[in-house]
Amino acid sequence: MNGAETIAAERRRQVEEEGWTAEHDSLYVPRERFKNVTIVPLTDAAICYARAGRSAAIFTPENNNGVGASALHMGEDWPWEAAWWKPSDDPIRNLAKAGALIAAEIDRLQAQ
């Protein structure tokens, strides 16, 4: 599969296996986390997974003392509970998740 197909397949998986439908995604509106800090949940999660994709390409178990990108911290931008942070050591997998979350945010905005 090419990149767009990989992202589309991940978005289908999110809907079919995880239940993250458009109706569910419509609940994720921008909100203030702290004073003057607004989070946009789907976009912020996509950014975290995109960073994990970059990190997985750099920090492989082979060049990072046996620790892959999945051991990296999610960062303060992660909009949900830590239990939902599930990065992979595969950079393509992380980028597919990021792309699917961006697609979900586009769909949410277009449905408004």
PDB file of N, CA and C in Angstrom:
ATOM      1  N   MET A   1       0.840  -1.191   0.000  1.00  0.00           N
ATOM      2  CA  MET A   1       0.000   0.000   0.000  1.00  0.00           C
ATOM      3  C   MET A   1       0.881   1.249   0.000  1.00  0.00           C
ATOM      4  N   ASN A   2       0.376   2.290  -0.652  1.00  0.00           N
ATOM      5  CA  ASN A   2       1.081   3.560  -0.586  1.00  0.00           C
ATOM      6  C   ASN A   2       0.679   4.293   0.699  1.00  0.00           C
ATOM      7  N   GLY A   3       1.217   5.480   0.896  1.00  0.00           N
ATOM      8  CA  GLY A   3       0.963   6.203   2.143  1.00  0.00           C
ATOM      9  C   GLY A   3      -0.506   6.516   2.375  1.00  0.00           C
ATOM     10  N   ALA A   4      -1.186   7.021   1.352  1.00  0.00           N
ATOM     11  CA  ALA A   4      -2.606   7.370   1.506  1.00  0.00           C
ATOM     12  C   ALA A   4      -3.438   6.129   1.809  1.00  0.00           C
ATOM     13  N   GLU A   5      -3.127   5.025   1.166  1.00  0.00           N
ATOM     14  CA  GLU A   5      -3.849   3.779   1.423  1.00  0.00           C
ATOM     15  C   GLU A   5      -3.586   3.264   2.835  1.00  0.00           C
ATOM     16  N   THR A   6      -2.362   3.422   3.301  1.00  0.00           N
ATOM     17  CA  THR A   6      -2.008   2.999   4.654  1.00  0.00           C
ATOM     18  C   THR A   6      -2.772   3.809   5.692  1.00  0.00           C
ATOM     19  N   ILE A   7      -2.864   5.122   5.463  1.00  0.00           N
ATOM     20  CA  ILE A   7      -3.615   5.989   6.373  1.00  0.00           C
ATOM     21  C   ILE A   7      -5.097   5.627   6.347  1.00  0.00           C
ATOM     22  N   ALA A   8      -5.639   5.405   5.148  1.00  0.00           N
ATOM     23  CA  ALA A   8      -7.060   5.046   5.028  1.00  0.00           C
ATOM     24  C   ALA A   8      -7.344   3.718   5.733  1.00  0.00           C
ATOM     25  N   ALA A   9      -6.439   2.772   5.613  1.00  0.00           N
ATOM     26  CA  ALA A   9      -6.619   1.480   6.282  1.00  0.00           C
ATOM     27  C   ALA A   9      -6.597   1.660   7.795  1.00  0.00           C
ATOM     28  N   GLU A  10      -5.727   2.512   8.301  1.00  0.00           N
ATOM     29  CA  GLU A  10      -5.676   2.767   9.737  1.00  0.00           C
ATOM     30  C   GLU A  10      -6.943   3.465  10.204  1.00  0.00           C
ATOM     31  N   ARG A  11      -7.450   4.392   9.418  1.00  0.00           N
ATOM     32  CA  ARG A  11      -8.691   5.072   9.808  1.00  0.00           C
ATOM     33  C   ARG A  11      -9.846   4.066   9.860  1.00  0.00           C
ATOM     34  N   ARG A  12      -9.914   3.167   8.883  1.00  0.00           N
ATOM     35  CA  ARG A  12     -10.944   2.121   8.909  1.00  0.00           C
ATOM     36  C   ARG A  12     -10.801   1.263  10.164  1.00  0.00           C
ATOM     37  N   ARG A  13      -9.562   0.910  10.511  1.00  0.00           N
ATOM     38  CA  ARG A  13      -9.325   0.108  11.708  1.00  0.00           C
ATOM     39  C   ARG A  13      -9.798   0.850  12.956  1.00  0.00           C
ATOM     40  N   GLN A  14      -9.506   2.145  13.029  1.00  0.00           N
ATOM     41  CA  GLN A  14      -9.926   2.928  14.183  1.00  0.00           C
ATOM     42  C   GLN A  14     -11.444   2.917  14.328  1.00  0.00           C
ATOM     43  N   VAL A  15     -12.142   3.001  13.217  1.00  0.00           N
ATOM     44  CA  VAL A  15     -13.606   3.011  13.254  1.00  0.00           C
ATOM     45  C   VAL A  15     -14.152   1.617  13.554  1.00  0.00           C
ATOM     46  N   GLU A  16     -13.673   0.623  12.818  1.00  0.00           N
ATOM     47  CA  GLU A  16     -14.232  -0.729  12.911  1.00  0.00           C
ATOM     48  C   GLU A  16     -13.814  -1.472  14.175  1.00  0.00           C
ATOM     49  N   GLU A  17     -12.561  -1.332  14.592  1.00  0.00           N
ATOM     50  CA  GLU A  17     -12.075  -2.089  15.749  1.00  0.00           C
ATOM     51  C   GLU A  17     -12.142  -1.308  17.058  1.00  0.00           C
ATOM     52  N   GLU A  18     -11.903  -0.014  16.988  1.00  0.00           N
ATOM     53  CA  GLU A  18     -11.869   0.800  18.207  1.00  0.00           C
ATOM     54  C   GLU A  18     -13.191   1.517  18.461  1.00  0.00           C
ATOM     55  N   GLY A  19     -14.026   1.644  17.432  1.00  0.00           N
ATOM     56  CA  GLY A  19     -15.303   2.332  17.593  1.00  0.00           C
ATOM     57  C   GLY A  19     -15.216   3.843  17.548  1.00  0.00           C
ATOM     58  N   TRP A  20     -14.109   4.378  17.013  1.00  0.00           N
ATOM     59  CA  TRP A  20     -13.940   5.829  16.947  1.00  0.00           C
ATOM     60  C   TRP A  20     -14.626   6.355  15.684  1.00  0.00           C
ATOM     61  N   THR A  21     -15.935   6.422  15.746  1.00  0.00           N
ATOM     62  CA  THR A  21     -16.751   6.850  14.610  1.00  0.00           C
ATOM     63  C   THR A  21     -16.758   8.366  14.491  1.00  0.00           C
ATOM     64  N   ALA A  22     -17.317   8.870  13.392  1.00  0.00           N
ATOM     65  CA  ALA A  22     -17.449  10.316  13.211  1.00  0.00           C
ATOM     66  C   ALA A  22     -18.294  10.924  14.324  1.00  0.00           C
ATOM     67  N   GLU A  23     -19.317  10.208  14.756  1.00  0.00           N
ATOM     68  CA  GLU A  23     -20.157  10.706  15.843  1.00  0.00           C
ATOM     69  C   GLU A  23     -19.345  10.854  17.129  1.00  0.00           C
ATOM     70  N   HIS A  24     -18.513   9.872  17.411  1.00  0.00           N
ATOM     71  CA  HIS A  24     -17.643   9.934  18.585  1.00  0.00           C
ATOM     72  C   HIS A  24     -16.639  11.072  18.441  1.00  0.00           C
ATOM     73  N   ASP A  25     -16.029  11.184  17.270  1.00  0.00           N
ATOM     74  CA  ASP A  25     -15.025  12.223  17.039  1.00  0.00           C
ATOM     75  C   ASP A  25     -15.607  13.627  17.149  1.00  0.00           C
ATOM     76  N   SER A  26     -16.910  13.773  16.880  1.00  0.00           N
ATOM     77  CA  SER A  26     -17.530  15.098  16.954  1.00  0.00           C
ATOM     78  C   SER A  26     -17.507  15.666  18.381  1.00  0.00           C
ATOM     79  N   LEU A  27     -17.278  14.810  19.356  1.00  0.00           N
ATOM     80  CA  LEU A  27     -17.199  15.256  20.746  1.00  0.00           C
ATOM     81  C   LEU A  27     -15.874  15.944  21.059  1.00  0.00           C
ATOM     82  N   TYR A  28     -14.870  15.734  20.226  1.00  0.00           N
ATOM     83  CA  TYR A  28     -13.539  16.277  20.485  1.00  0.00           C
ATOM     84  C   TYR A  28     -13.401  17.688  19.939  1.00  0.00           C
ATOM     85  N   VAL A  29     -13.902  18.641  20.679  1.00  0.00           N
ATOM     86  CA  VAL A  29     -13.804  20.039  20.272  1.00  0.00           C
ATOM     87  C   VAL A  29     -12.646  20.687  21.019  1.00  0.00           C
ATOM     88  N   PRO A  30     -12.086  21.751  20.460  1.00  0.00           N
ATOM     89  CA  PRO A  30     -11.003  22.450  21.168  1.00  0.00           C
ATOM     90  C   PRO A  30     -11.475  22.904  22.543  1.00  0.00           C
ATOM     91  N   ARG A  31     -10.563  22.812  23.495  1.00  0.00           N
ATOM     92  CA  ARG A  31     -10.889  23.242  24.856  1.00  0.00           C
ATOM     93  C   ARG A  31      -9.620  23.759  25.531  1.00  0.00           C
ATOM     94  N   GLU A  32      -9.816  24.508  26.583  1.00  0.00           N
ATOM     95  CA  GLU A  32      -8.675  25.047  27.317  1.00  0.00           C
ATOM     96  C   GLU A  32      -8.225  24.053  28.370  1.00  0.00           C
ATOM     97  N   ARG A  33      -6.949  23.716  28.333  1.00  0.00           N
ATOM     98  CA  ARG A  33      -6.379  22.809  29.333  1.00  0.00           C
ATOM     99  C   ARG A  33      -5.867  23.607  30.516  1.00  0.00           C
ATOM    100  N   PHE A  34      -5.068  24.576  30.236  1.00  0.00           N
ATOM    101  CA  PHE A  34      -4.532  25.476  31.246  1.00  0.00           C
ATOM    102  C   PHE A  34      -4.763  26.888  30.731  1.00  0.00           C
ATOM    103  N   LYS A  35      -4.489  27.833  31.566  1.00  0.00           N
ATOM    104  CA  LYS A  35      -4.664  29.225  31.146  1.00  0.00           C
ATOM    105  C   LYS A  35      -3.880  29.483  29.858  1.00  0.00           C
ATOM    106  N   ASN A  36      -4.572  29.960  28.868  1.00  0.00           N
ATOM    107  CA  ASN A  36      -4.002  30.313  27.556  1.00  0.00           C
ATOM    108  C   ASN A  36      -3.440  29.128  26.777  1.00  0.00           C
ATOM    109  N   VAL A  37      -3.792  27.901  27.143  1.00  0.00           N
ATOM    110  CA  VAL A  37      -3.338  26.733  26.395  1.00  0.00           C
ATOM    111  C   VAL A  37      -4.566  25.972  25.926  1.00  0.00           C
ATOM    112  N   THR A  38      -4.799  26.002  24.634  1.00  0.00           N
ATOM    113  CA  THR A  38      -5.939  25.302  24.057  1.00  0.00           C
ATOM    114  C   THR A  38      -5.449  24.004  23.442  1.00  0.00           C
ATOM    115  N   ILE A  39      -6.199  22.934  23.677  1.00  0.00           N
ATOM    116  CA  ILE A  39      -5.870  21.671  23.034  1.00  0.00           C
ATOM    117  C   ILE A  39      -6.960  21.336  22.021  1.00  0.00           C
ATOM    118  N   VAL A  40      -6.531  20.743  20.953  1.00  0.00           N
ATOM    119  CA  VAL A  40      -7.420  20.226  19.918  1.00  0.00           C
ATOM    120  C   VAL A  40      -7.128  18.730  19.887  1.00  0.00           C
ATOM    121  N   PRO A  41      -7.932  17.920  20.585  1.00  0.00           N
ATOM    122  CA  PRO A  41      -7.567  16.531  20.862  1.00  0.00           C
ATOM    123  C   PRO A  41      -7.099  15.705  19.666  1.00  0.00           C
ATOM    124  N   LEU A  42      -7.863  15.649  18.589  1.00  0.00           N
ATOM    125  CA  LEU A  42      -7.455  14.791  17.472  1.00  0.00           C
ATOM    126  C   LEU A  42      -6.163  15.285  16.836  1.00  0.00           C
ATOM    127  N   THR A  43      -6.045  16.595  16.673  1.00  0.00           N
ATOM    128  CA  THR A  43      -4.833  17.166  16.083  1.00  0.00           C
ATOM    129  C   THR A  43      -3.639  16.980  17.001  1.00  0.00           C
ATOM    130  N   ASP A  44      -3.827  17.228  18.289  1.00  0.00           N
ATOM    131  CA  ASP A  44      -2.717  17.071  19.225  1.00  0.00           C
ATOM    132  C   ASP A  44      -2.247  15.619  19.289  1.00  0.00           C
ATOM    133  N   ALA A  45      -3.186  14.681  19.271  1.00  0.00           N
ATOM    134  CA  ALA A  45      -2.806  13.261  19.266  1.00  0.00           C
ATOM    135  C   ALA A  45      -2.043  12.922  17.994  1.00  0.00           C
ATOM    136  N   ALA A  46      -2.486  13.478  16.863  1.00  0.00           N
ATOM    137  CA  ALA A  46      -1.785  13.242  15.593  1.00  0.00           C
ATOM    138  C   ALA A  46      -0.350  13.749  15.666  1.00  0.00           C
ATOM    139  N   ILE A  47      -0.168  14.913  16.259  1.00  0.00           N
ATOM    140  CA  ILE A  47       1.180  15.473  16.400  1.00  0.00           C
ATOM    141  C   ILE A  47       2.059  14.541  17.237  1.00  0.00           C
ATOM    142  N   CYS A  48       1.512  14.015  18.316  1.00  0.00           N
ATOM    143  CA  CYS A  48       2.284  13.102  19.170  1.00  0.00           C
ATOM    144  C   CYS A  48       2.696  11.850  18.404  1.00  0.00           C
ATOM    145  N   TYR A  49       1.768  11.290  17.625  1.00  0.00           N
ATOM    146  CA  TYR A  49       2.110  10.096  16.849  1.00  0.00           C
ATOM    147  C   TYR A  49       3.092  10.417  15.723  1.00  0.00           C
ATOM    148  N   ALA A  50       2.982  11.606  15.137  1.00  0.00           N
ATOM    149  CA  ALA A  50       3.950  11.993  14.109  1.00  0.00           C
ATOM    150  C   ALA A  50       5.353  12.098  14.721  1.00  0.00           C
ATOM    151  N   ARG A  51       5.433  12.664  15.920  1.00  0.00           N
ATOM    152  CA  ARG A  51       6.729  12.718  16.622  1.00  0.00           C
ATOM    153  C   ARG A  51       7.246  11.315  16.907  1.00  0.00           C
ATOM    154  N   ALA A  52       6.345  10.426  17.307  1.00  0.00           N
ATOM    155  CA  ALA A  52       6.760   9.044  17.565  1.00  0.00           C
ATOM    156  C   ALA A  52       7.232   8.382  16.276  1.00  0.00           C
ATOM    157  N   GLY A  53       6.616   8.740  15.154  1.00  0.00           N
ATOM    158  CA  GLY A  53       7.067   8.210  13.863  1.00  0.00           C
ATOM    159  C   GLY A  53       8.477   8.647  13.539  1.00  0.00           C
ATOM    160  N   ARG A  54       8.750   9.897  13.802  1.00  0.00           N
ATOM    161  CA  ARG A  54      10.107  10.408  13.589  1.00  0.00           C
ATOM    162  C   ARG A  54      11.073   9.729  14.547  1.00  0.00           C
ATOM    163  N   SER A  55      10.672   9.613  15.808  1.00  0.00           N
ATOM    164  CA  SER A  55      11.542   9.006  16.810  1.00  0.00           C
ATOM    165  C   SER A  55      11.805   7.540  16.521  1.00  0.00           C
ATOM    166  N   ALA A  56      10.786   6.825  16.058  1.00  0.00           N
ATOM    167  CA  ALA A  56      10.968   5.407  15.761  1.00  0.00           C
ATOM    168  C   ALA A  56      11.981   5.213  14.642  1.00  0.00           C
ATOM    169  N   ALA A  57      12.053   6.164  13.740  1.00  0.00           N
ATOM    170  CA  ALA A  57      13.035   6.074  12.664  1.00  0.00           C
ATOM    171  C   ALA A  57      14.447   6.353  13.169  1.00  0.00           C
ATOM    172  N   ILE A  58      14.550   7.111  14.249  1.00  0.00           N
ATOM    173  CA  ILE A  58      15.857   7.497  14.806  1.00  0.00           C
ATOM    174  C   ILE A  58      16.278   6.559  15.931  1.00  0.00           C
ATOM    175  N   PHE A  59      15.356   6.296  16.865  1.00  0.00           N
ATOM    176  CA  PHE A  59      15.663   5.513  18.063  1.00  0.00           C
ATOM    177  C   PHE A  59      15.190   4.075  17.903  1.00  0.00           C
ATOM    178  N   THR A  60      15.946   3.296  17.208  1.00  0.00           N
ATOM    179  CA  THR A  60      15.597   1.894  17.048  1.00  0.00           C
ATOM    180  C   THR A  60      16.205   1.097  18.200  1.00  0.00           C
ATOM    181  N   PRO A  61      15.696  -0.090  18.474  1.00  0.00           N
ATOM    182  CA  PRO A  61      16.303  -0.905  19.531  1.00  0.00           C
ATOM    183  C   PRO A  61      17.796  -1.149  19.290  1.00  0.00           C
ATOM    184  N   GLU A  62      18.183  -1.182  18.023  1.00  0.00           N
ATOM    185  CA  GLU A  62      19.583  -1.451  17.697  1.00  0.00           C
ATOM    186  C   GLU A  62      20.502  -0.294  18.069  1.00  0.00           C
ATOM    187  N   ASN A  63      20.015   0.949  17.943  1.00  0.00           N
ATOM    188  CA  ASN A  63      20.915   2.082  18.200  1.00  0.00           C
ATOM    189  C   ASN A  63      20.558   2.848  19.476  1.00  0.00           C
ATOM    190  N   ASN A  64      19.673   2.292  20.289  1.00  0.00           N
ATOM    191  CA  ASN A  64      19.272   2.992  21.507  1.00  0.00           C
ATOM    192  C   ASN A  64      19.256   2.042  22.707  1.00  0.00           C
ATOM    193  N   ASN A  65      20.301   1.249  22.832  1.00  0.00           N
ATOM    194  CA  ASN A  65      20.452   0.324  23.964  1.00  0.00           C
ATOM    195  C   ASN A  65      19.252  -0.596  24.155  1.00  0.00           C
ATOM    196  N   GLY A  66      18.683  -1.056  23.054  1.00  0.00           N
ATOM    197  CA  GLY A  66      17.583  -2.003  23.127  1.00  0.00           C
ATOM    198  C   GLY A  66      16.215  -1.397  23.379  1.00  0.00           C
ATOM    199  N   VAL A  67      16.146  -0.071  23.454  1.00  0.00           N
ATOM    200  CA  VAL A  67      14.873   0.595  23.712  1.00  0.00           C
ATOM    201  C   VAL A  67      14.400   1.260  22.432  1.00  0.00           C
ATOM    202  N   GLY A  68      13.215   0.900  21.991  1.00  0.00           N
ATOM    203  CA  GLY A  68      12.647   1.495  20.784  1.00  0.00           C
ATOM    204  C   GLY A  68      11.798   2.709  21.095  1.00  0.00           C
ATOM    205  N   ALA A  69      11.193   3.270  20.061  1.00  0.00           N
ATOM    206  CA  ALA A  69      10.391   4.486  20.193  1.00  0.00           C
ATOM    207  C   ALA A  69       9.180   4.283  21.075  1.00  0.00           C
ATOM    208  N   SER A  70       8.668   3.069  21.174  1.00  0.00           N
ATOM    209  CA  SER A  70       7.474   2.849  21.995  1.00  0.00           C
ATOM    210  C   SER A  70       7.728   3.153  23.469  1.00  0.00           C
ATOM    211  N   ALA A  71       9.000   3.205  23.858  1.00  0.00           N
ATOM    212  CA  ALA A  71       9.329   3.540  25.243  1.00  0.00           C
ATOM    213  C   ALA A  71       9.366   5.052  25.469  1.00  0.00           C
ATOM    214  N   LEU A  72       9.275   5.820  24.406  1.00  0.00           N
ATOM    215  CA  LEU A  72       9.337   7.269  24.544  1.00  0.00           C
ATOM    216  C   LEU A  72       8.071   7.800  25.210  1.00  0.00           C
ATOM    217  N   HIS A  73       8.236   8.845  25.949  1.00  0.00           N
ATOM    218  CA  HIS A  73       7.099   9.477  26.631  1.00  0.00           C
ATOM    219  C   HIS A  73       6.220  10.186  25.602  1.00  0.00           C
ATOM    220  N   MET A  74       4.947  10.229  25.869  1.00  0.00           N
ATOM    221  CA  MET A  74       3.986  10.794  24.931  1.00  0.00           C
ATOM    222  C   MET A  74       4.100  12.309  24.810  1.00  0.00           C
ATOM    223  N   GLY A  75       4.644  12.967  25.792  1.00  0.00           N
ATOM    224  CA  GLY A  75       4.765  14.419  25.754  1.00  0.00           C
ATOM    225  C   GLY A  75       3.540  15.106  26.327  1.00  0.00           C
ATOM    226  N   GLU A  76       3.688  16.360  26.618  1.00  0.00           N
ATOM    227  CA  GLU A  76       2.606  17.095  27.271  1.00  0.00           C
ATOM    228  C   GLU A  76       1.461  17.430  26.334  1.00  0.00           C
ATOM    229  N   ASP A  77       1.638  17.254  25.034  1.00  0.00           N
ATOM    230  CA  ASP A  77       0.568  17.534  24.077  1.00  0.00           C
ATOM    231  C   ASP A  77      -0.477  16.417  24.019  1.00  0.00           C
ATOM    232  N   TRP A  78      -0.159  15.246  24.556  1.00  0.00           N
ATOM    233  CA  TRP A  78      -1.093  14.120  24.477  1.00  0.00           C
ATOM    234  C   TRP A  78      -2.397  14.514  25.179  1.00  0.00           C
ATOM    235  N   PRO A  79      -3.539  14.435  24.477  1.00  0.00           N
ATOM    236  CA  PRO A  79      -4.778  14.974  25.030  1.00  0.00           C
ATOM    237  C   PRO A  79      -5.579  14.027  25.921  1.00  0.00           C
ATOM    238  N   TRP A  80      -5.187  12.766  25.989  1.00  0.00           N
ATOM    239  CA  TRP A  80      -5.988  11.782  26.716  1.00  0.00           C
ATOM    240  C   TRP A  80      -5.162  11.107  27.801  1.00  0.00           C
ATOM    241  N   GLU A  81      -5.783  10.168  28.490  1.00  0.00           N
ATOM    242  CA  GLU A  81      -5.090   9.434  29.542  1.00  0.00           C
ATOM    243  C   GLU A  81      -3.915   8.650  28.952  1.00  0.00           C
ATOM    244  N   ALA A  82      -2.902   8.459  29.765  1.00  0.00           N
ATOM    245  CA  ALA A  82      -1.686   7.777  29.323  1.00  0.00           C
ATOM    246  C   ALA A  82      -1.954   6.376  28.789  1.00  0.00           C
ATOM    247  N   ALA A  83      -2.967   5.712  29.295  1.00  0.00           N
ATOM    248  CA  ALA A  83      -3.271   4.346  28.847  1.00  0.00           C
ATOM    249  C   ALA A  83      -3.605   4.281  27.357  1.00  0.00           C
ATOM    250  N   TRP A  84      -4.017   5.403  26.780  1.00  0.00           N
ATOM    251  CA  TRP A  84      -4.373   5.425  25.355  1.00  0.00           C
ATOM    252  C   TRP A  84      -3.163   5.693  24.464  1.00  0.00           C
ATOM    253  N   TRP A  85      -2.029   5.980  25.035  1.00  0.00           N
ATOM    254  CA  TRP A  85      -0.801   6.228  24.267  1.00  0.00           C
ATOM    255  C   TRP A  85      -0.195   4.884  23.876  1.00  0.00           C
ATOM    256  N   LYS A  86      -0.224   4.559  22.584  1.00  0.00           N
ATOM    257  CA  LYS A  86       0.221   3.246  22.122  1.00  0.00           C
ATOM    258  C   LYS A  86       1.117   3.374  20.890  1.00  0.00           C
ATOM    259  N   PRO A  87       2.289   3.982  21.058  1.00  0.00           N
ATOM    260  CA  PRO A  87       3.189   4.098  19.913  1.00  0.00           C
ATOM    261  C   PRO A  87       3.818   2.749  19.571  1.00  0.00           C
ATOM    262  N   SER A  88       4.356   2.693  18.390  1.00  0.00           N
ATOM    263  CA  SER A  88       5.003   1.491  17.883  1.00  0.00           C
ATOM    264  C   SER A  88       6.475   1.781  17.632  1.00  0.00           C
ATOM    265  N   ASP A  89       7.275   0.739  17.569  1.00  0.00           N
ATOM    266  CA  ASP A  89       8.661   0.901  17.147  1.00  0.00           C
ATOM    267  C   ASP A  89       8.752   1.052  15.627  1.00  0.00           C
ATOM    268  N   ASP A  90       7.640   0.863  14.943  1.00  0.00           N
ATOM    269  CA  ASP A  90       7.569   0.987  13.480  1.00  0.00           C
ATOM    270  C   ASP A  90       7.157   2.411  13.120  1.00  0.00           C
ATOM    271  N   PRO A  91       8.057   3.195  12.505  1.00  0.00           N
ATOM    272  CA  PRO A  91       7.714   4.584  12.194  1.00  0.00           C
ATOM    273  C   PRO A  91       6.510   4.697  11.262  1.00  0.00           C
ATOM    274  N   ILE A  92       6.351   3.772  10.340  1.00  0.00           N
ATOM    275  CA  ILE A  92       5.212   3.830   9.416  1.00  0.00           C
ATOM    276  C   ILE A  92       3.907   3.660  10.175  1.00  0.00           C
ATOM    277  N   ARG A  93       3.876   2.784  11.143  1.00  0.00           N
ATOM    278  CA  ARG A  93       2.664   2.557  11.952  1.00  0.00           C
ATOM    279  C   ARG A  93       2.281   3.825  12.704  1.00  0.00           C
ATOM    280  N   ASN A  94       3.268   4.488  13.299  1.00  0.00           N
ATOM    281  CA  ASN A  94       2.995   5.735  14.017  1.00  0.00           C
ATOM    282  C   ASN A  94       2.515   6.829  13.071  1.00  0.00           C
ATOM    283  N   LEU A  95       3.123   6.924  11.900  1.00  0.00           N
ATOM    284  CA  LEU A  95       2.706   7.940  10.933  1.00  0.00           C
ATOM    285  C   LEU A  95       1.323   7.643  10.374  1.00  0.00           C
ATOM    286  N   ALA A  96       0.983   6.365  10.228  1.00  0.00           N
ATOM    287  CA  ALA A  96      -0.367   5.994   9.781  1.00  0.00           C
ATOM    288  C   ALA A  96      -1.395   6.424  10.828  1.00  0.00           C
ATOM    289  N   LYS A  97      -1.082   6.223  12.104  1.00  0.00           N
ATOM    290  CA  LYS A  97      -1.988   6.669  13.168  1.00  0.00           C
ATOM    291  C   LYS A  97      -2.135   8.186  13.127  1.00  0.00           C
ATOM    292  N   ALA A  98      -1.019   8.890  12.949  1.00  0.00           N
ATOM    293  CA  ALA A  98      -1.068  10.352  12.865  1.00  0.00           C
ATOM    294  C   ALA A  98      -1.939  10.794  11.696  1.00  0.00           C
ATOM    295  N   GLY A  99      -1.726  10.194  10.547  1.00  0.00           N
ATOM    296  CA  GLY A  99      -2.510  10.553   9.370  1.00  0.00           C
ATOM    297  C   GLY A  99      -3.990  10.268   9.539  1.00  0.00           C
ATOM    298  N   ALA A 100      -4.309   9.144  10.165  1.00  0.00           N
ATOM    299  CA  ALA A 100      -5.710   8.782  10.389  1.00  0.00           C
ATOM    300  C   ALA A 100      -6.368   9.758  11.358  1.00  0.00           C
ATOM    301  N   LEU A 101      -5.635  10.193  12.371  1.00  0.00           N
ATOM    302  CA  LEU A 101      -6.179  11.184  13.304  1.00  0.00           C
ATOM    303  C   LEU A 101      -6.390  12.530  12.619  1.00  0.00           C
ATOM    304  N   ILE A 102      -5.494  12.898  11.717  1.00  0.00           N
ATOM    305  CA  ILE A 102      -5.677  14.132  10.950  1.00  0.00           C
ATOM    306  C   ILE A 102      -6.905  14.003  10.056  1.00  0.00           C
ATOM    307  N   ALA A 103      -7.071  12.854   9.409  1.00  0.00           N
ATOM    308  CA  ALA A 103      -8.256  12.628   8.584  1.00  0.00           C
ATOM    309  C   ALA A 103      -9.525  12.740   9.412  1.00  0.00           C
ATOM    310  N   ALA A 104      -9.518  12.197  10.614  1.00  0.00           N
ATOM    311  CA  ALA A 104     -10.674  12.287  11.501  1.00  0.00           C
ATOM    312  C   ALA A 104     -10.967  13.742  11.871  1.00  0.00           C
ATOM    313  N   GLU A 105      -9.923  14.513  12.120  1.00  0.00           N
ATOM    314  CA  GLU A 105     -10.126  15.931  12.453  1.00  0.00           C
ATOM    315  C   GLU A 105     -10.682  16.694  11.248  1.00  0.00           C
ATOM    316  N   ILE A 106     -10.194  16.404  10.064  1.00  0.00           N
ATOM    317  CA  ILE A 106     -10.743  17.039   8.853  1.00  0.00           C
ATOM    318  C   ILE A 106     -12.223  16.714   8.719  1.00  0.00           C
ATOM    319  N   ASP A 107     -12.565  15.438   8.903  1.00  0.00           N
ATOM    320  CA  ASP A 107     -13.970  15.041   8.823  1.00  0.00           C
ATOM    321  C   ASP A 107     -14.808  15.754   9.877  1.00  0.00           C
ATOM    322  N   ARG A 108     -14.266  15.884  11.084  1.00  0.00           N
ATOM    323  CA  ARG A 108     -14.992  16.563  12.160  1.00  0.00           C
ATOM    324  C   ARG A 108     -15.249  18.025  11.797  1.00  0.00           C
ATOM    325  N   LEU A 109     -14.236  18.687  11.272  1.00  0.00           N
ATOM    326  CA  LEU A 109     -14.385  20.100  10.899  1.00  0.00           C
ATOM    327  C   LEU A 109     -15.365  20.272   9.744  1.00  0.00           C
ATOM    328  N   GLN A 110     -15.294  19.384   8.779  1.00  0.00           N
ATOM    329  CA  GLN A 110     -16.195  19.483   7.627  1.00  0.00           C
ATOM    330  C   GLN A 110     -17.646  19.204   8.008  1.00  0.00           C
ATOM    331  N   ALA A 111     -17.858  18.438   9.066  1.00  0.00           N
ATOM    332  CA  ALA A 111     -19.215  18.107   9.492  1.00  0.00           C
ATOM    333  C   ALA A 111     -19.862  19.214  10.325  1.00  0.00           C
ATOM    334  N   GLN A 112     -19.090  20.169  10.749  1.00  0.00           N
ATOM    335  CA  GLN A 112     -19.622  21.252  11.601  1.00  0.00           C
ATOM    336  C   GLN A 112     -20.594  22.122  10.830  1.00  0.00           C
TER     337      GLN A 112
END
